Amino acid sequence: MVNSSDGYVKYSAEHKMAPAADAPNRAELNVARTHLHHLGLVGALPNGIGFGNVSIRLEGNEFLISGTATGASPVLGPEGYCRIKSFDLKQNHVISTGPVPPSSESMTHGAVYMSNQRVNCVIHIHSRIIFDGMVRENYPSTPEDAAFGTPEIAFAIENCVRKSEKDEGQIVMLGHDEGVIAYGSSVEKTLMLVQELFNKYS
């Protein structure tokens, strides 16, 4: 699908409705997400549009991610997550299963997982103050012309993770206003990276 306003190929998904995936770490991920919701880093705008999401690696490059339109809920049950079975950065397309369609930010999560096999959790938050602080201090970033929902931002995320060569990091997405990604080897470690940013700039 091509967006007529900017010409970019937009994110598309092939989703099969199915029971919730069995994921041993989902409860831990959900506790982290609820904490982020309380901090205002995951949630929904007054118009109902959600922002921020969380994911964990399952096997290979498959991962469990919070679903679309779930931002307003402080606590999600199993029905709030879906399994990404495969993804194609170039085609900007994902294949998923679960009780809810995937978040539109699934492609950026996938880019992190495919770039470093030691990464097991990705958290995507939105915060004006954290975003601006990271820009001022020159944190690793994606280009301003890599717009949200395009292959360009997914490839830019992939480049940042590969360049770092570490199993943890924090990235500010210059082309996705207020968007920040943290990734790590575990839910606990990744949440600590986000909390570190919150404590530093809030």
N, C-alpha and C. Protein backbone atom coordinates (compact mmCIF):
# COMPACT_ATOMS: atom_id res chain seq x y z
N MET A 1 0.85 -1.18 0.00
CA MET A 1 0.00 0.00 0.00
C MET A 1 0.89 1.23 0.00
N VAL A 2 0.60 2.22 -0.87
CA VAL A 2 1.40 3.44 -0.96
C VAL A 2 0.59 4.61 -0.43
N ASN A 3 1.19 5.39 0.44
CA ASN A 3 0.55 6.58 0.97
C ASN A 3 0.72 7.70 -0.04
N SER A 4 -0.37 8.27 -0.49
CA SER A 4 -0.32 9.27 -1.55
C SER A 4 0.33 10.57 -1.11
N SER A 5 0.38 10.84 0.19
CA SER A 5 0.92 12.11 0.67
C SER A 5 2.44 12.15 0.65
N ASP A 6 3.08 10.99 0.84
CA ASP A 6 4.54 11.02 0.89
C ASP A 6 5.19 9.97 0.01
N GLY A 7 4.39 9.07 -0.57
CA GLY A 7 4.95 8.11 -1.51
C GLY A 7 5.61 6.91 -0.90
N TYR A 8 5.68 6.85 0.42
CA TYR A 8 6.34 5.72 1.08
C TYR A 8 5.45 4.48 1.06
N VAL A 9 6.10 3.33 0.99
CA VAL A 9 5.38 2.08 1.14
C VAL A 9 5.10 1.89 2.63
N LYS A 10 3.83 1.76 3.00
CA LYS A 10 3.47 1.70 4.40
C LYS A 10 3.40 0.27 4.91
N TYR A 11 3.48 0.17 6.21
CA TYR A 11 3.37 -1.10 6.92
C TYR A 11 2.10 -1.85 6.52
N SER A 12 2.23 -3.15 6.29
CA SER A 12 1.05 -3.98 6.04
C SER A 12 1.21 -5.28 6.82
N ALA A 13 0.07 -5.92 7.11
CA ALA A 13 0.11 -7.11 7.94
C ALA A 13 -0.86 -8.17 7.44
N GLU A 14 -0.46 -9.42 7.64
CA GLU A 14 -1.32 -10.57 7.35
C GLU A 14 -1.54 -11.26 8.69
N HIS A 15 -2.74 -11.09 9.24
CA HIS A 15 -3.01 -11.57 10.59
C HIS A 15 -4.05 -12.67 10.60
N LYS A 16 -3.78 -13.73 11.36
CA LYS A 16 -4.72 -14.84 11.54
C LYS A 16 -5.18 -14.85 12.99
N MET A 17 -6.48 -14.71 13.19
CA MET A 17 -7.02 -14.75 14.54
C MET A 17 -6.81 -16.14 15.14
N ALA A 18 -6.30 -16.18 16.36
CA ALA A 18 -5.97 -17.45 17.02
C ALA A 18 -5.91 -17.21 18.52
N PRO A 19 -5.93 -18.30 19.32
CA PRO A 19 -5.79 -18.14 20.78
C PRO A 19 -4.46 -17.48 21.13
N ALA A 20 -4.38 -16.93 22.32
CA ALA A 20 -3.15 -16.27 22.78
C ALA A 20 -1.98 -17.25 22.81
N ALA A 21 -0.82 -16.77 22.41
CA ALA A 21 0.38 -17.60 22.41
C ALA A 21 0.83 -17.89 23.84
N ASP A 22 1.36 -19.07 24.06
CA ASP A 22 1.91 -19.43 25.36
C ASP A 22 3.32 -18.86 25.48
N ALA A 23 3.50 -17.89 26.36
CA ALA A 23 4.80 -17.24 26.51
C ALA A 23 5.13 -17.13 28.00
N PRO A 24 6.10 -17.90 28.50
CA PRO A 24 6.44 -17.91 29.92
C PRO A 24 6.75 -16.53 30.50
N ASN A 25 7.32 -15.65 29.67
CA ASN A 25 7.72 -14.33 30.19
C ASN A 25 6.67 -13.25 29.95
N ARG A 26 5.49 -13.63 29.46
CA ARG A 26 4.48 -12.62 29.18
C ARG A 26 4.05 -11.88 30.43
N ALA A 27 3.91 -12.60 31.55
CA ALA A 27 3.49 -11.95 32.79
C ALA A 27 4.51 -10.90 33.22
N GLU A 28 5.78 -11.22 33.13
CA GLU A 28 6.83 -10.26 33.49
C GLU A 28 6.79 -9.05 32.56
N LEU A 29 6.60 -9.32 31.27
CA LEU A 29 6.50 -8.23 30.29
C LEU A 29 5.31 -7.35 30.60
N ASN A 30 4.20 -7.95 30.98
CA ASN A 30 2.99 -7.19 31.25
C ASN A 30 3.14 -6.30 32.49
N VAL A 31 3.85 -6.81 33.51
CA VAL A 31 4.12 -5.99 34.69
C VAL A 31 4.95 -4.77 34.31
N ALA A 32 5.94 -4.98 33.44
CA ALA A 32 6.78 -3.87 32.97
C ALA A 32 5.94 -2.87 32.19
N ARG A 33 5.05 -3.38 31.35
CA ARG A 33 4.20 -2.49 30.56
C ARG A 33 3.28 -1.66 31.47
N THR A 34 2.71 -2.28 32.49
CA THR A 34 1.85 -1.54 33.42
C THR A 34 2.62 -0.43 34.12
N HIS A 35 3.86 -0.70 34.50
CA HIS A 35 4.71 0.32 35.12
C HIS A 35 4.94 1.48 34.14
N LEU A 36 5.21 1.15 32.88
CA LEU A 36 5.43 2.19 31.87
C LEU A 36 4.16 3.00 31.64
N HIS A 37 3.02 2.33 31.73
CA HIS A 37 1.73 3.02 31.57
C HIS A 37 1.55 4.03 32.70
N HIS A 38 1.89 3.63 33.92
CA HIS A 38 1.77 4.53 35.06
C HIS A 38 2.70 5.74 34.93
N LEU A 39 3.82 5.55 34.26
CA LEU A 39 4.76 6.65 34.05
C LEU A 39 4.35 7.55 32.89
N GLY A 40 3.33 7.12 32.12
CA GLY A 40 2.88 7.90 30.98
C GLY A 40 3.70 7.68 29.72
N LEU A 41 4.52 6.65 29.71
CA LEU A 41 5.38 6.37 28.56
C LEU A 41 4.72 5.44 27.55
N VAL A 42 3.69 4.74 27.99
CA VAL A 42 2.81 3.92 27.15
C VAL A 42 1.40 4.35 27.49
N GLY A 43 0.54 4.49 26.51
CA GLY A 43 -0.82 4.91 26.80
C GLY A 43 -1.60 5.24 25.56
N ALA A 44 -2.52 6.20 25.69
CA ALA A 44 -3.35 6.62 24.56
C ALA A 44 -3.59 8.12 24.64
N LEU A 45 -3.65 8.75 23.47
CA LEU A 45 -3.95 10.17 23.39
C LEU A 45 -5.44 10.40 23.63
N PRO A 46 -5.85 11.65 23.88
CA PRO A 46 -7.27 11.93 24.10
C PRO A 46 -8.17 11.46 22.96
N ASN A 47 -7.62 11.40 21.73
CA ASN A 47 -8.42 10.94 20.59
C ASN A 47 -8.49 9.42 20.49
N GLY A 48 -7.85 8.74 21.46
CA GLY A 48 -7.93 7.28 21.49
C GLY A 48 -6.78 6.56 20.81
N ILE A 49 -5.94 7.28 20.10
CA ILE A 49 -4.81 6.65 19.42
C ILE A 49 -3.76 6.25 20.45
N GLY A 50 -3.36 4.98 20.44
CA GLY A 50 -2.40 4.48 21.40
C GLY A 50 -0.96 4.81 21.03
N PHE A 51 -0.09 4.77 22.02
CA PHE A 51 1.34 4.97 21.76
C PHE A 51 2.15 4.08 22.69
N GLY A 52 3.29 3.64 22.19
CA GLY A 52 4.20 2.79 22.96
C GLY A 52 3.76 1.34 22.97
N ASN A 53 4.72 0.45 23.05
CA ASN A 53 4.42 -0.98 23.11
C ASN A 53 5.63 -1.75 23.59
N VAL A 54 5.40 -3.04 23.89
CA VAL A 54 6.46 -3.88 24.45
C VAL A 54 6.46 -5.24 23.75
N SER A 55 7.61 -5.90 23.74
CA SER A 55 7.69 -7.22 23.11
C SER A 55 8.79 -8.05 23.75
N ILE A 56 8.67 -9.37 23.57
CA ILE A 56 9.72 -10.31 23.99
C ILE A 56 9.95 -11.32 22.87
N ARG A 57 11.19 -11.76 22.75
CA ARG A 57 11.52 -12.79 21.76
C ARG A 57 10.95 -14.13 22.23
N LEU A 58 10.43 -14.91 21.28
CA LEU A 58 9.92 -16.24 21.58
C LEU A 58 10.94 -17.29 21.14
N GLU A 59 11.03 -17.54 19.86
CA GLU A 59 12.04 -18.46 19.32
C GLU A 59 12.47 -17.95 17.96
N GLY A 60 13.75 -18.11 17.66
CA GLY A 60 14.26 -17.53 16.42
C GLY A 60 14.02 -16.03 16.43
N ASN A 61 13.45 -15.53 15.33
CA ASN A 61 13.11 -14.11 15.26
C ASN A 61 11.62 -13.86 15.49
N GLU A 62 10.90 -14.88 15.97
CA GLU A 62 9.49 -14.69 16.31
C GLU A 62 9.42 -13.97 17.66
N PHE A 63 8.40 -13.14 17.82
CA PHE A 63 8.27 -12.42 19.09
C PHE A 63 6.81 -12.13 19.41
N LEU A 64 6.57 -11.91 20.71
CA LEU A 64 5.25 -11.55 21.22
C LEU A 64 5.23 -10.05 21.44
N ILE A 65 4.20 -9.38 20.94
CA ILE A 65 4.13 -7.92 21.05
C ILE A 65 2.73 -7.48 21.44
N SER A 66 2.64 -6.40 22.19
CA SER A 66 1.33 -5.86 22.54
C SER A 66 0.63 -5.44 21.25
N GLY A 67 -0.69 -5.67 21.23
CA GLY A 67 -1.45 -5.48 20.00
C GLY A 67 -1.85 -4.05 19.72
N THR A 68 -2.41 -3.86 18.54
CA THR A 68 -2.88 -2.54 18.15
C THR A 68 -4.06 -2.12 19.01
N ALA A 69 -4.18 -0.83 19.21
CA ALA A 69 -5.30 -0.23 19.96
C ALA A 69 -5.42 -0.76 21.39
N THR A 70 -4.28 -1.08 22.01
CA THR A 70 -4.31 -1.54 23.40
C THR A 70 -3.71 -0.51 24.36
N GLY A 71 -3.28 0.61 23.85
CA GLY A 71 -2.56 1.59 24.66
C GLY A 71 -3.33 2.12 25.86
N ALA A 72 -4.64 2.24 25.75
CA ALA A 72 -5.41 2.85 26.83
C ALA A 72 -5.51 1.97 28.07
N SER A 73 -5.30 0.67 27.92
CA SER A 73 -5.46 -0.25 29.05
C SER A 73 -4.21 -0.31 29.92
N PRO A 74 -4.32 -0.01 31.21
CA PRO A 74 -3.14 -0.09 32.10
C PRO A 74 -2.61 -1.52 32.23
N VAL A 75 -3.51 -2.49 32.21
CA VAL A 75 -3.13 -3.90 32.35
C VAL A 75 -3.72 -4.69 31.19
N LEU A 76 -2.90 -5.48 30.54
CA LEU A 76 -3.37 -6.31 29.43
C LEU A 76 -3.42 -7.77 29.86
N GLY A 77 -4.43 -8.46 29.40
CA GLY A 77 -4.48 -9.91 29.56
C GLY A 77 -3.82 -10.57 28.36
N PRO A 78 -3.80 -11.89 28.32
CA PRO A 78 -3.20 -12.60 27.17
C PRO A 78 -3.81 -12.16 25.84
N GLU A 79 -5.08 -11.74 25.89
CA GLU A 79 -5.76 -11.34 24.65
C GLU A 79 -5.23 -10.02 24.09
N GLY A 80 -4.36 -9.35 24.83
CA GLY A 80 -3.80 -8.09 24.37
C GLY A 80 -2.49 -8.22 23.62
N TYR A 81 -2.05 -9.45 23.38
CA TYR A 81 -0.77 -9.69 22.72
C TYR A 81 -0.93 -10.59 21.50
N CYS A 82 -0.06 -10.42 20.53
CA CYS A 82 -0.06 -11.32 19.38
C CYS A 82 1.36 -11.77 19.07
N ARG A 83 1.45 -12.83 18.30
CA ARG A 83 2.74 -13.43 17.94
C ARG A 83 3.12 -13.04 16.52
N ILE A 84 4.28 -12.43 16.36
CA ILE A 84 4.80 -12.13 15.03
C ILE A 84 5.55 -13.36 14.54
N LYS A 85 5.02 -13.97 13.49
CA LYS A 85 5.60 -15.21 12.96
C LYS A 85 6.77 -14.92 12.02
N SER A 86 6.63 -13.88 11.21
CA SER A 86 7.70 -13.51 10.29
C SER A 86 7.51 -12.06 9.86
N PHE A 87 8.57 -11.47 9.34
CA PHE A 87 8.49 -10.09 8.88
C PHE A 87 9.52 -9.85 7.79
N ASP A 88 9.24 -8.90 6.94
CA ASP A 88 10.10 -8.57 5.81
C ASP A 88 10.32 -7.06 5.83
N LEU A 89 11.53 -6.64 6.19
CA LEU A 89 11.80 -5.20 6.31
C LEU A 89 11.64 -4.48 4.98
N LYS A 90 12.12 -5.08 3.91
CA LYS A 90 12.07 -4.42 2.60
C LYS A 90 10.64 -4.23 2.14
N GLN A 91 9.82 -5.26 2.32
CA GLN A 91 8.42 -5.17 1.92
C GLN A 91 7.56 -4.50 2.98
N ASN A 92 8.13 -4.30 4.18
CA ASN A 92 7.41 -3.68 5.30
C ASN A 92 6.13 -4.45 5.62
N HIS A 93 6.29 -5.76 5.74
CA HIS A 93 5.13 -6.65 5.89
C HIS A 93 5.39 -7.64 7.02
N VAL A 94 4.37 -7.90 7.83
CA VAL A 94 4.49 -8.89 8.90
C VAL A 94 3.38 -9.92 8.78
N ILE A 95 3.67 -11.13 9.26
CA ILE A 95 2.68 -12.20 9.36
C ILE A 95 2.54 -12.53 10.84
N SER A 96 1.32 -12.52 11.35
CA SER A 96 1.10 -12.68 12.78
C SER A 96 -0.12 -13.54 13.08
N THR A 97 -0.17 -14.03 14.31
CA THR A 97 -1.33 -14.78 14.80
C THR A 97 -1.64 -14.32 16.22
N GLY A 98 -2.90 -14.50 16.63
CA GLY A 98 -3.26 -14.14 17.99
C GLY A 98 -4.64 -13.55 18.08
N PRO A 99 -5.07 -13.21 19.29
CA PRO A 99 -6.42 -12.68 19.50
C PRO A 99 -6.57 -11.21 19.12
N VAL A 100 -5.46 -10.54 18.80
CA VAL A 100 -5.50 -9.13 18.44
C VAL A 100 -4.47 -8.87 17.34
N PRO A 101 -4.76 -8.00 16.38
CA PRO A 101 -3.77 -7.68 15.34
C PRO A 101 -2.54 -7.01 15.95
N PRO A 102 -1.41 -7.05 15.25
CA PRO A 102 -0.16 -6.51 15.80
C PRO A 102 -0.12 -4.99 15.82
N SER A 103 0.71 -4.48 16.69
CA SER A 103 0.98 -3.05 16.73
C SER A 103 1.61 -2.62 15.41
N SER A 104 1.34 -1.39 15.01
CA SER A 104 1.93 -0.86 13.78
C SER A 104 3.43 -0.63 13.94
N GLU A 105 3.94 -0.76 15.15
CA GLU A 105 5.38 -0.58 15.39
C GLU A 105 6.12 -1.92 15.39
N SER A 106 5.44 -3.00 15.01
CA SER A 106 6.04 -4.33 15.03
C SER A 106 7.31 -4.43 14.20
N MET A 107 7.35 -3.71 13.07
CA MET A 107 8.50 -3.83 12.18
C MET A 107 9.78 -3.33 12.84
N THR A 108 9.69 -2.27 13.64
CA THR A 108 10.89 -1.77 14.30
C THR A 108 11.38 -2.75 15.37
N HIS A 109 10.45 -3.41 16.05
CA HIS A 109 10.83 -4.45 17.01
C HIS A 109 11.53 -5.58 16.29
N GLY A 110 10.96 -6.00 15.16
CA GLY A 110 11.57 -7.08 14.39
C GLY A 110 12.97 -6.74 13.92
N ALA A 111 13.19 -5.48 13.56
CA ALA A 111 14.52 -5.05 13.10
C ALA A 111 15.55 -5.22 14.20
N VAL A 112 15.15 -4.97 15.45
CA VAL A 112 16.07 -5.14 16.58
C VAL A 112 16.40 -6.61 16.77
N TYR A 113 15.37 -7.45 16.79
CA TYR A 113 15.59 -8.88 17.05
C TYR A 113 16.46 -9.54 15.99
N MET A 114 16.26 -9.17 14.73
CA MET A 114 17.04 -9.80 13.67
C MET A 114 18.49 -9.30 13.66
N SER A 115 18.73 -8.15 14.28
CA SER A 115 20.05 -7.54 14.25
C SER A 115 20.98 -8.07 15.33
N ASN A 116 20.40 -8.62 16.41
CA ASN A 116 21.23 -9.13 17.52
C ASN A 116 20.47 -10.25 18.21
N GLN A 117 20.97 -11.45 18.08
CA GLN A 117 20.29 -12.62 18.65
C GLN A 117 20.33 -12.66 20.17
N ARG A 118 21.12 -11.80 20.80
CA ARG A 118 21.19 -11.75 22.26
C ARG A 118 20.12 -10.85 22.86
N VAL A 119 19.43 -10.11 22.03
CA VAL A 119 18.35 -9.23 22.50
C VAL A 119 17.08 -10.05 22.66
N ASN A 120 16.44 -9.92 23.83
CA ASN A 120 15.23 -10.69 24.11
C ASN A 120 14.03 -9.83 24.49
N CYS A 121 14.21 -8.52 24.54
CA CYS A 121 13.10 -7.63 24.87
C CYS A 121 13.30 -6.27 24.19
N VAL A 122 12.19 -5.72 23.71
CA VAL A 122 12.21 -4.37 23.11
C VAL A 122 11.06 -3.58 23.71
N ILE A 123 11.34 -2.35 24.09
CA ILE A 123 10.31 -1.45 24.62
C ILE A 123 10.33 -0.16 23.81
N HIS A 124 9.17 0.24 23.35
CA HIS A 124 9.02 1.47 22.56
C HIS A 124 8.14 2.42 23.36
N ILE A 125 8.69 3.58 23.72
CA ILE A 125 7.95 4.57 24.50
C ILE A 125 7.81 5.88 23.73
N HIS A 126 6.94 6.73 24.24
CA HIS A 126 6.82 8.09 23.71
C HIS A 126 6.93 9.06 24.87
N SER A 127 7.81 10.04 24.72
CA SER A 127 7.98 11.06 25.75
C SER A 127 8.66 12.28 25.14
N ARG A 128 8.03 13.43 25.24
CA ARG A 128 8.61 14.67 24.73
C ARG A 128 9.91 15.00 25.44
N ILE A 129 9.91 14.93 26.78
CA ILE A 129 11.08 15.36 27.55
C ILE A 129 12.25 14.39 27.38
N ILE A 130 11.97 13.10 27.32
CA ILE A 130 13.04 12.13 27.11
C ILE A 130 13.59 12.25 25.70
N PHE A 131 12.70 12.37 24.72
CA PHE A 131 13.10 12.52 23.32
C PHE A 131 14.03 13.72 23.16
N ASP A 132 13.60 14.88 23.67
CA ASP A 132 14.41 16.10 23.53
C ASP A 132 15.75 15.97 24.24
N GLY A 133 15.75 15.35 25.41
CA GLY A 133 17.00 15.18 26.14
C GLY A 133 17.97 14.29 25.41
N MET A 134 17.47 13.21 24.82
CA MET A 134 18.34 12.30 24.08
C MET A 134 18.91 12.97 22.82
N VAL A 135 18.09 13.81 22.18
CA VAL A 135 18.57 14.54 21.01
C VAL A 135 19.69 15.49 21.41
N ARG A 136 19.50 16.21 22.51
CA ARG A 136 20.53 17.15 22.98
C ARG A 136 21.84 16.45 23.27
N GLU A 137 21.76 15.24 23.81
CA GLU A 137 22.97 14.54 24.23
C GLU A 137 23.48 13.54 23.19
N ASN A 138 22.94 13.65 21.99
CA ASN A 138 23.46 12.86 20.87
C ASN A 138 23.45 11.35 21.10
N TYR A 139 22.34 10.85 21.61
CA TYR A 139 22.17 9.40 21.70
C TYR A 139 22.11 8.80 20.30
N PRO A 140 22.37 7.51 20.15
CA PRO A 140 22.19 6.87 18.84
C PRO A 140 20.80 7.19 18.31
N SER A 141 20.71 7.49 17.02
CA SER A 141 19.44 7.94 16.47
C SER A 141 19.22 7.45 15.05
N THR A 142 17.97 7.45 14.65
CA THR A 142 17.61 7.20 13.26
C THR A 142 17.47 8.54 12.57
N PRO A 143 17.65 8.60 11.25
CA PRO A 143 17.60 9.89 10.53
C PRO A 143 16.23 10.54 10.57
N GLU A 144 16.21 11.86 10.45
CA GLU A 144 14.95 12.59 10.46
C GLU A 144 14.07 12.22 9.28
N ASP A 145 14.69 11.83 8.16
CA ASP A 145 13.90 11.50 6.98
C ASP A 145 13.46 10.04 6.95
N ALA A 146 13.75 9.29 8.03
CA ALA A 146 13.26 7.90 8.14
C ALA A 146 11.95 7.95 8.91
N ALA A 147 10.84 8.03 8.16
CA ALA A 147 9.53 8.25 8.77
C ALA A 147 8.95 6.98 9.38
N PHE A 148 8.13 7.17 10.40
CA PHE A 148 7.44 6.06 11.04
C PHE A 148 6.60 5.29 10.03
N GLY A 149 6.61 3.97 10.13
CA GLY A 149 5.79 3.14 9.25
C GLY A 149 6.39 2.88 7.90
N THR A 150 7.69 3.16 7.74
CA THR A 150 8.35 2.94 6.45
C THR A 150 9.51 1.95 6.60
N PRO A 151 9.92 1.34 5.49
CA PRO A 151 11.10 0.47 5.54
C PRO A 151 12.34 1.21 6.00
N GLU A 152 12.41 2.49 5.68
CA GLU A 152 13.60 3.28 6.04
C GLU A 152 13.87 3.29 7.54
N ILE A 153 12.82 3.44 8.33
CA ILE A 153 13.06 3.50 9.78
C ILE A 153 13.44 2.13 10.31
N ALA A 154 12.88 1.07 9.74
CA ALA A 154 13.24 -0.28 10.18
C ALA A 154 14.71 -0.56 9.87
N PHE A 155 15.15 -0.19 8.67
CA PHE A 155 16.55 -0.40 8.31
C PHE A 155 17.48 0.49 9.14
N ALA A 156 17.02 1.68 9.48
CA ALA A 156 17.82 2.58 10.32
C ALA A 156 17.99 2.00 11.72
N ILE A 157 16.91 1.41 12.27
CA ILE A 157 17.00 0.75 13.58
C ILE A 157 17.97 -0.42 13.49
N GLU A 158 17.85 -1.21 12.44
CA GLU A 158 18.76 -2.34 12.25
C GLU A 158 20.21 -1.87 12.25
N ASN A 159 20.47 -0.77 11.55
CA ASN A 159 21.83 -0.25 11.46
C ASN A 159 22.35 0.20 12.83
N CYS A 160 21.50 0.86 13.62
CA CYS A 160 21.91 1.31 14.95
C CYS A 160 22.29 0.13 15.84
N VAL A 161 21.48 -0.93 15.82
CA VAL A 161 21.74 -2.09 16.68
C VAL A 161 23.00 -2.82 16.24
N ARG A 162 23.15 -3.02 14.95
CA ARG A 162 24.35 -3.71 14.44
C ARG A 162 25.62 -2.91 14.73
N LYS A 163 25.53 -1.60 14.58
CA LYS A 163 26.69 -0.74 14.81
C LYS A 163 27.11 -0.78 16.27
N SER A 164 26.15 -0.86 17.17
CA SER A 164 26.45 -0.90 18.60
C SER A 164 27.16 -2.19 19.00
N GLU A 165 26.72 -3.31 18.44
CA GLU A 165 27.26 -4.64 18.74
C GLU A 165 27.02 -5.06 20.19
N LYS A 166 26.20 -4.30 20.94
CA LYS A 166 25.88 -4.65 22.32
C LYS A 166 24.48 -5.26 22.38
N ASP A 167 24.23 -6.01 23.45
CA ASP A 167 22.91 -6.62 23.59
C ASP A 167 21.93 -5.72 24.35
N GLU A 168 22.27 -4.44 24.45
CA GLU A 168 21.37 -3.47 25.06
C GLU A 168 21.64 -2.10 24.48
N GLY A 169 20.63 -1.25 24.49
CA GLY A 169 20.83 0.09 23.97
C GLY A 169 19.57 0.94 24.02
N GLN A 170 19.76 2.22 23.71
CA GLN A 170 18.66 3.19 23.70
C GLN A 170 18.81 4.01 22.41
N ILE A 171 17.72 4.14 21.67
CA ILE A 171 17.73 4.81 20.37
C ILE A 171 16.61 5.84 20.33
N VAL A 172 16.93 7.04 19.86
CA VAL A 172 15.91 8.06 19.67
C VAL A 172 15.60 8.12 18.17
N MET A 173 14.30 8.10 17.84
CA MET A 173 13.87 8.06 16.44
C MET A 173 13.51 9.47 15.97
N LEU A 174 14.45 10.12 15.30
CA LEU A 174 14.27 11.51 14.92
C LEU A 174 13.13 11.72 13.95
N GLY A 175 12.81 10.70 13.14
CA GLY A 175 11.71 10.82 12.20
C GLY A 175 10.38 10.36 12.76
N HIS A 176 10.34 10.04 14.05
CA HIS A 176 9.12 9.59 14.72
C HIS A 176 9.02 10.37 16.02
N ASP A 177 8.48 11.57 15.95
CA ASP A 177 8.52 12.52 17.06
C ASP A 177 8.08 11.91 18.38
N GLU A 178 8.93 12.08 19.39
CA GLU A 178 8.76 11.57 20.75
C GLU A 178 9.04 10.07 20.88
N GLY A 179 9.37 9.41 19.78
CA GLY A 179 9.59 7.97 19.81
C GLY A 179 10.99 7.57 20.26
N VAL A 180 11.05 6.64 21.22
CA VAL A 180 12.31 6.14 21.76
C VAL A 180 12.22 4.62 21.89
N ILE A 181 13.30 3.94 21.58
CA ILE A 181 13.35 2.48 21.72
C ILE A 181 14.47 2.11 22.68
N ALA A 182 14.17 1.15 23.55
CA ALA A 182 15.20 0.54 24.40
C ALA A 182 15.14 -0.96 24.17
N TYR A 183 16.28 -1.61 24.21
CA TYR A 183 16.32 -3.06 24.02
C TYR A 183 17.38 -3.67 24.92
N GLY A 184 17.15 -4.94 25.29
CA GLY A 184 18.10 -5.58 26.19
C GLY A 184 17.96 -7.08 26.18
N SER A 185 18.78 -7.73 26.99
CA SER A 185 18.82 -9.19 27.03
C SER A 185 17.68 -9.79 27.83
N SER A 186 16.96 -8.96 28.59
CA SER A 186 15.85 -9.44 29.40
C SER A 186 14.85 -8.31 29.60
N VAL A 187 13.63 -8.67 30.05
CA VAL A 187 12.63 -7.66 30.36
C VAL A 187 13.16 -6.73 31.45
N GLU A 188 13.73 -7.30 32.49
CA GLU A 188 14.23 -6.51 33.61
C GLU A 188 15.29 -5.50 33.15
N LYS A 189 16.22 -5.95 32.35
CA LYS A 189 17.30 -5.08 31.89
C LYS A 189 16.77 -3.96 31.00
N THR A 190 15.84 -4.30 30.12
CA THR A 190 15.30 -3.30 29.20
C THR A 190 14.48 -2.26 29.95
N LEU A 191 13.69 -2.70 30.92
CA LEU A 191 12.93 -1.76 31.74
C LEU A 191 13.86 -0.83 32.51
N MET A 192 14.97 -1.36 32.99
CA MET A 192 15.95 -0.52 33.69
C MET A 192 16.49 0.57 32.79
N LEU A 193 16.70 0.27 31.51
CA LEU A 193 17.21 1.26 30.57
C LEU A 193 16.20 2.38 30.36
N VAL A 194 14.91 2.02 30.31
CA VAL A 194 13.87 3.04 30.17
C VAL A 194 13.76 3.86 31.45
N GLN A 195 13.79 3.20 32.59
CA GLN A 195 13.72 3.90 33.87
C GLN A 195 14.88 4.87 34.03
N GLU A 196 16.03 4.45 33.55
CA GLU A 196 17.22 5.31 33.59
C GLU A 196 16.96 6.60 32.83
N LEU A 197 16.36 6.52 31.65
CA LEU A 197 16.04 7.70 30.86
C LEU A 197 15.00 8.57 31.56
N PHE A 198 13.99 7.91 32.13
CA PHE A 198 12.93 8.64 32.83
C PHE A 198 13.50 9.40 34.02
N ASN A 199 14.35 8.74 34.80
CA ASN A 199 14.95 9.38 35.97
C ASN A 199 15.87 10.54 35.58
N LYS A 200 16.52 10.39 34.46
CA LYS A 200 17.49 11.38 34.02
C LYS A 200 16.83 12.66 33.50
N TYR A 201 15.73 12.51 32.79
CA TYR A 201 15.15 13.67 32.11
C TYR A 201 13.82 14.16 32.68
N SER A 202 13.16 13.35 33.50
CA SER A 202 11.83 13.76 33.98
C SER A 202 11.91 14.54 35.30
